[in-house]
Amino acid sequence: MNTVYLLLGSNLGNSREMFEEAIHMLRESVGHLSKRSSIYESLPWGFEHENNFINQALGISTELSPLEVLDRCLSIERKLGRTRTNSKTYQARVIDIDILLFNSESIEEENLIIPHEHLHNRRFALTPLNEIASEKIHPKFGNTIEQLLYSCSDNSKVSKL
């Protein structure tokens, strides 16, 4: 059995309702939801927008491979109304599902990088992940999630809702 840690994000529409829909679909298509953080709010990261983001980390037990999890997450995003563009800029979104960690694996493929390549630089991702997996070791840096959070250079405010 594998353990995947995901981060849900949204800043458009009814974000909390979108999270519940996404979680329901993840349970049906990815695996057993074993951990769920509180919901946190933060300013958009990497761009400006009038709506703040909310984020929530999930721990899921799954028999799927990392690429299968990615495919299911992208499918759920599409079903919930997310449209992706070829733009490399950050944008507002109704739902975003990022794979943060998969077991203790390091994966670098064209369409999938695990651990998430920006995890250690994003307080909005580290804070909810720390709530459910503080002792988990980042496979590339060898630090716990808690250590990464305390040494994170991102000083953005992240508030528990």
C-alpha atoms as a PDB file:
ATOM      1  CA  MET A   1       0.000   0.000   0.000  1.00  0.00           C
ATOM      2  CA  ASN A   2       1.241   3.477  -0.901  1.00  0.00           C
ATOM      3  CA  THR A   3       0.713   6.767   0.897  1.00  0.00           C
ATOM      4  CA  VAL A   4       0.269   9.912  -1.161  1.00  0.00           C
ATOM      5  CA  TYR A   5       0.028  13.410   0.272  1.00  0.00           C
ATOM      6  CA  LEU A   6      -2.014  15.867  -1.760  1.00  0.00           C
ATOM      7  CA  LEU A   7      -2.710  19.579  -1.471  1.00  0.00           C
ATOM      8  CA  LEU A   8      -6.088  20.972  -2.461  1.00  0.00           C
ATOM      9  CA  GLY A   9      -6.220  24.639  -3.416  1.00  0.00           C
ATOM     10  CA  SER A  10      -8.925  27.027  -4.607  1.00  0.00           C
ATOM     11  CA  ASN A  11      -9.695  30.725  -4.784  1.00  0.00           C
ATOM     12  CA  LEU A  12     -12.738  30.840  -7.089  1.00  0.00           C
ATOM     13  CA  GLY A  13     -16.347  29.898  -6.404  1.00  0.00           C
ATOM     14  CA  ASN A  14     -17.424  27.990  -3.311  1.00  0.00           C
ATOM     15  CA  SER A  15     -13.998  26.604  -2.433  1.00  0.00           C
ATOM     16  CA  ARG A  16     -15.083  24.586   0.597  1.00  0.00           C
ATOM     17  CA  GLU A  17     -17.818  22.870  -1.408  1.00  0.00           C
ATOM     18  CA  MET A  18     -15.286  22.198  -4.157  1.00  0.00           C
ATOM     19  CA  PHE A  19     -12.969  20.573  -1.593  1.00  0.00           C
ATOM     20  CA  GLU A  20     -15.754  18.278  -0.405  1.00  0.00           C
ATOM     21  CA  GLU A  21     -16.537  17.242  -3.990  1.00  0.00           C
ATOM     22  CA  ALA A  22     -12.854  16.646  -4.721  1.00  0.00           C
ATOM     23  CA  ILE A  23     -12.422  14.581  -1.543  1.00  0.00           C
ATOM     24  CA  HIS A  24     -15.470  12.473  -2.409  1.00  0.00           C
ATOM     25  CA  MET A  25     -14.056  11.810  -5.887  1.00  0.00           C
ATOM     26  CA  LEU A  26     -10.566  11.089  -4.522  1.00  0.00           C
ATOM     27  CA  ARG A  27     -12.033   8.519  -2.127  1.00  0.00           C
ATOM     28  CA  GLU A  28     -13.823   6.830  -5.023  1.00  0.00           C
ATOM     29  CA  SER A  29     -10.960   6.842  -7.514  1.00  0.00           C
ATOM     30  CA  VAL A  30      -7.654   7.065  -5.603  1.00  0.00           C
ATOM     31  CA  GLY A  31      -8.004   5.409  -2.205  1.00  0.00           C
ATOM     32  CA  HIS A  32      -8.751   5.632   1.509  1.00  0.00           C
ATOM     33  CA  LEU A  33      -8.549   9.103   3.059  1.00  0.00           C
ATOM     34  CA  SER A  34      -6.428   8.527   6.157  1.00  0.00           C
ATOM     35  CA  LYS A  35      -5.507  12.111   7.101  1.00  0.00           C
ATOM     36  CA  ARG A  36      -7.044  15.507   6.512  1.00  0.00           C
ATOM     37  CA  SER A  37      -5.657  18.845   7.691  1.00  0.00           C
ATOM     38  CA  SER A  38      -7.567  21.909   8.721  1.00  0.00           C
ATOM     39  CA  ILE A  39      -8.302  24.435   5.991  1.00  0.00           C
ATOM     40  CA  TYR A  40      -5.886  27.353   5.724  1.00  0.00           C
ATOM     41  CA  GLU A  41      -6.133  30.714   3.979  1.00  0.00           C
ATOM     42  CA  SER A  42      -3.320  32.648   2.304  1.00  0.00           C
ATOM     43  CA  LEU A  43      -2.699  35.296  -0.306  1.00  0.00           C
ATOM     44  CA  PRO A  44      -2.136  34.094  -3.881  1.00  0.00           C
ATOM     45  CA  TRP A  45       1.459  32.940  -4.390  1.00  0.00           C
ATOM     46  CA  GLY A  46       3.313  34.148  -7.479  1.00  0.00           C
ATOM     47  CA  PHE A  47       0.545  36.453  -8.750  1.00  0.00           C
ATOM     48  CA  GLU A  48      -2.014  38.968  -7.545  1.00  0.00           C
ATOM     49  CA  HIS A  49      -5.744  38.336  -7.310  1.00  0.00           C
ATOM     50  CA  GLU A  50      -8.567  39.799  -5.238  1.00  0.00           C
ATOM     51  CA  ASN A  51      -9.506  36.386  -3.786  1.00  0.00           C
ATOM     52  CA  ASN A  52      -7.322  34.641  -1.240  1.00  0.00           C
ATOM     53  CA  PHE A  53      -6.605  30.932  -1.614  1.00  0.00           C
ATOM     54  CA  ILE A  54      -7.676  28.215   0.741  1.00  0.00           C
ATOM     55  CA  ASN A  55      -5.655  25.015   1.019  1.00  0.00           C
ATOM     56  CA  GLN A  56      -6.012  21.643   2.685  1.00  0.00           C
ATOM     57  CA  ALA A  57      -3.589  18.714   2.840  1.00  0.00           C
ATOM     58  CA  LEU A  58      -4.753  15.116   2.534  1.00  0.00           C
ATOM     59  CA  GLY A  59      -3.098  11.779   3.227  1.00  0.00           C
ATOM     60  CA  ILE A  60      -4.462   8.933   1.104  1.00  0.00           C
ATOM     61  CA  SER A  61      -3.644   5.219   1.167  1.00  0.00           C
ATOM     62  CA  THR A  62      -3.671   3.897  -2.378  1.00  0.00           C
ATOM     63  CA  GLU A  63      -2.705   0.929  -4.483  1.00  0.00           C
ATOM     64  CA  LEU A  64      -2.178   3.203  -7.485  1.00  0.00           C
ATOM     65  CA  SER A  65       1.155   4.258  -8.968  1.00  0.00           C
ATOM     66  CA  PRO A  66       2.237   7.916  -8.891  1.00  0.00           C
ATOM     67  CA  LEU A  67       1.296   8.395 -12.564  1.00  0.00           C
ATOM     68  CA  GLU A  68      -2.103   6.799 -11.985  1.00  0.00           C
ATOM     69  CA  VAL A  69      -2.698   9.159  -9.052  1.00  0.00           C
ATOM     70  CA  LEU A  70      -1.711  12.106 -11.256  1.00  0.00           C
ATOM     71  CA  ASP A  71      -4.119  11.001 -13.990  1.00  0.00           C
ATOM     72  CA  ARG A  72      -6.970  10.651 -11.479  1.00  0.00           C
ATOM     73  CA  CYS A  73      -6.231  14.063  -9.928  1.00  0.00           C
ATOM     74  CA  LEU A  74      -6.186  15.774 -13.334  1.00  0.00           C
ATOM     75  CA  SER A  75      -9.442  14.039 -14.263  1.00  0.00           C
ATOM     76  CA  ILE A  76     -11.083  15.219 -11.025  1.00  0.00           C
ATOM     77  CA  GLU A  77      -9.880  18.775 -11.665  1.00  0.00           C
ATOM     78  CA  ARG A  78     -11.440  18.697 -15.153  1.00  0.00           C
ATOM     79  CA  LYS A  79     -14.727  17.250 -13.865  1.00  0.00           C
ATOM     80  CA  LEU A  80     -14.905  20.022 -11.272  1.00  0.00           C
ATOM     81  CA  GLY A  81     -14.425  22.736 -13.889  1.00  0.00           C
ATOM     82  CA  ARG A  82     -10.700  23.427 -13.888  1.00  0.00           C
ATOM     83  CA  THR A  83      -9.365  24.523 -17.241  1.00  0.00           C
ATOM     84  CA  ARG A  84      -5.638  24.473 -17.825  1.00  0.00           C
ATOM     85  CA  THR A  85      -3.894  26.758 -20.281  1.00  0.00           C
ATOM     86  CA  ASN A  86      -0.459  26.589 -21.854  1.00  0.00           C
ATOM     87  CA  SER A  87       0.489  29.702 -19.895  1.00  0.00           C
ATOM     88  CA  LYS A  88       3.378  29.254 -17.480  1.00  0.00           C
ATOM     89  CA  THR A  89       1.991  31.951 -15.169  1.00  0.00           C
ATOM     90  CA  TYR A  90       0.054  31.242 -11.987  1.00  0.00           C
ATOM     91  CA  GLN A  91      -3.697  31.789 -12.202  1.00  0.00           C
ATOM     92  CA  ALA A  92      -6.836  31.798 -10.092  1.00  0.00           C
ATOM     93  CA  ARG A  93      -8.592  28.420 -10.069  1.00  0.00           C
ATOM     94  CA  VAL A  94     -11.715  26.642  -8.886  1.00  0.00           C
ATOM     95  CA  ILE A  95      -9.678  23.589  -7.842  1.00  0.00           C
ATOM     96  CA  ASP A  96      -6.065  22.516  -7.828  1.00  0.00           C
ATOM     97  CA  ILE A  97      -4.854  19.113  -6.672  1.00  0.00           C
ATOM     98  CA  ASP A  98      -1.088  18.815  -6.277  1.00  0.00           C
ATOM     99  CA  ILE A  99       0.857  15.689  -5.385  1.00  0.00           C
ATOM    100  CA  LEU A 100       3.262  16.751  -2.642  1.00  0.00           C
ATOM    101  CA  LEU A 101       4.765  13.405  -1.599  1.00  0.00           C
ATOM    102  CA  PHE A 102       4.397   9.759  -2.614  1.00  0.00           C
ATOM    103  CA  ASN A 103       5.829   7.331  -0.052  1.00  0.00           C
ATOM    104  CA  SER A 104       9.501   8.339   0.190  1.00  0.00           C
ATOM    105  CA  GLU A 105       9.985   8.414  -3.559  1.00  0.00           C
ATOM    106  CA  SER A 106      11.779  10.950  -5.716  1.00  0.00           C
ATOM    107  CA  ILE A 107      10.377  11.035  -9.242  1.00  0.00           C
ATOM    108  CA  GLU A 108      11.414  13.317 -12.084  1.00  0.00           C
ATOM    109  CA  GLU A 109       9.440  12.754 -15.244  1.00  0.00           C
ATOM    110  CA  GLU A 110       8.280  15.191 -17.895  1.00  0.00           C
ATOM    111  CA  ASN A 111       4.820  15.613 -16.383  1.00  0.00           C
ATOM    112  CA  LEU A 112       5.417  14.600 -12.763  1.00  0.00           C
ATOM    113  CA  ILE A 113       7.944  15.728 -10.171  1.00  0.00           C
ATOM    114  CA  ILE A 114       7.714  14.262  -6.659  1.00  0.00           C
ATOM    115  CA  PRO A 115       8.269  15.638  -4.118  1.00  0.00           C
ATOM    116  CA  HIS A 116       6.549  18.724  -5.486  1.00  0.00           C
ATOM    117  CA  GLU A 117       9.402  20.898  -6.728  1.00  0.00           C
ATOM    118  CA  HIS A 118       8.274  24.015  -4.810  1.00  0.00           C
ATOM    119  CA  LEU A 119       7.055  22.345  -1.605  1.00  0.00           C
ATOM    120  CA  HIS A 120       9.987  23.502   0.535  1.00  0.00           C
ATOM    121  CA  ASN A 121       9.481  27.136  -0.590  1.00  0.00           C
ATOM    122  CA  ARG A 122       5.736  27.405  -0.001  1.00  0.00           C
ATOM    123  CA  ARG A 123       4.444  28.080   3.486  1.00  0.00           C
ATOM    124  CA  PHE A 124       0.843  27.632   2.242  1.00  0.00           C
ATOM    125  CA  ALA A 125       1.679  24.009   1.354  1.00  0.00           C
ATOM    126  CA  LEU A 126       3.996  23.199   4.254  1.00  0.00           C
ATOM    127  CA  THR A 127       1.634  24.470   6.964  1.00  0.00           C
ATOM    128  CA  PRO A 128      -1.290  22.095   6.279  1.00  0.00           C
ATOM    129  CA  LEU A 129       1.087  19.241   5.416  1.00  0.00           C
ATOM    130  CA  ASN A 130       2.897  19.765   8.726  1.00  0.00           C
ATOM    131  CA  GLU A 131      -0.408  19.329  10.554  1.00  0.00           C
ATOM    132  CA  ILE A 132      -0.836  15.774   9.214  1.00  0.00           C
ATOM    133  CA  ALA A 133       2.735  14.666   8.429  1.00  0.00           C
ATOM    134  CA  SER A 134       5.187  16.710  10.513  1.00  0.00           C
ATOM    135  CA  GLU A 135       7.650  13.823  10.912  1.00  0.00           C
ATOM    136  CA  LYS A 136       7.572  12.768   7.253  1.00  0.00           C
ATOM    137  CA  ILE A 137      11.049  13.098   5.707  1.00  0.00           C
ATOM    138  CA  HIS A 138      11.457  15.076   2.485  1.00  0.00           C
ATOM    139  CA  PRO A 139      13.246  12.552   0.234  1.00  0.00           C
ATOM    140  CA  LYS A 140      15.534  15.105  -1.427  1.00  0.00           C
ATOM    141  CA  PHE A 141      16.529  17.250   1.545  1.00  0.00           C
ATOM    142  CA  GLY A 142      16.425  14.697   4.365  1.00  0.00           C
ATOM    143  CA  ASN A 143      14.552  17.117   6.636  1.00  0.00           C
ATOM    144  CA  THR A 144      11.183  16.570   8.260  1.00  0.00           C
ATOM    145  CA  ILE A 145       8.234  18.613   7.038  1.00  0.00           C
ATOM    146  CA  GLU A 146       8.296  20.406  10.388  1.00  0.00           C
ATOM    147  CA  GLN A 147      11.964  21.364   9.888  1.00  0.00           C
ATOM    148  CA  LEU A 148      11.239  22.581   6.355  1.00  0.00           C
ATOM    149  CA  LEU A 149       8.357  24.710   7.621  1.00  0.00           C
ATOM    150  CA  TYR A 150      10.484  26.367  10.306  1.00  0.00           C
ATOM    151  CA  SER A 151      13.295  27.096   7.839  1.00  0.00           C
ATOM    152  CA  CYS A 152      11.005  28.173   4.976  1.00  0.00           C
ATOM    153  CA  SER A 153      12.033  31.526   3.475  1.00  0.00           C
ATOM    154  CA  ASP A 154       8.438  32.268   2.412  1.00  0.00           C
ATOM    155  CA  ASN A 155       7.128  34.707   5.013  1.00  0.00           C
ATOM    156  CA  SER A 156       3.556  34.762   3.694  1.00  0.00           C
ATOM    157  CA  LYS A 157       0.827  34.693   6.317  1.00  0.00           C
ATOM    158  CA  VAL A 158      -1.061  31.391   6.449  1.00  0.00           C
ATOM    159  CA  SER A 159      -4.115  31.365   8.722  1.00  0.00           C
ATOM    160  CA  LYS A 160      -6.129  28.385   9.945  1.00  0.00           C
ATOM    161  CA  LEU A 161      -9.833  28.868   9.235  1.00  0.00           C
END
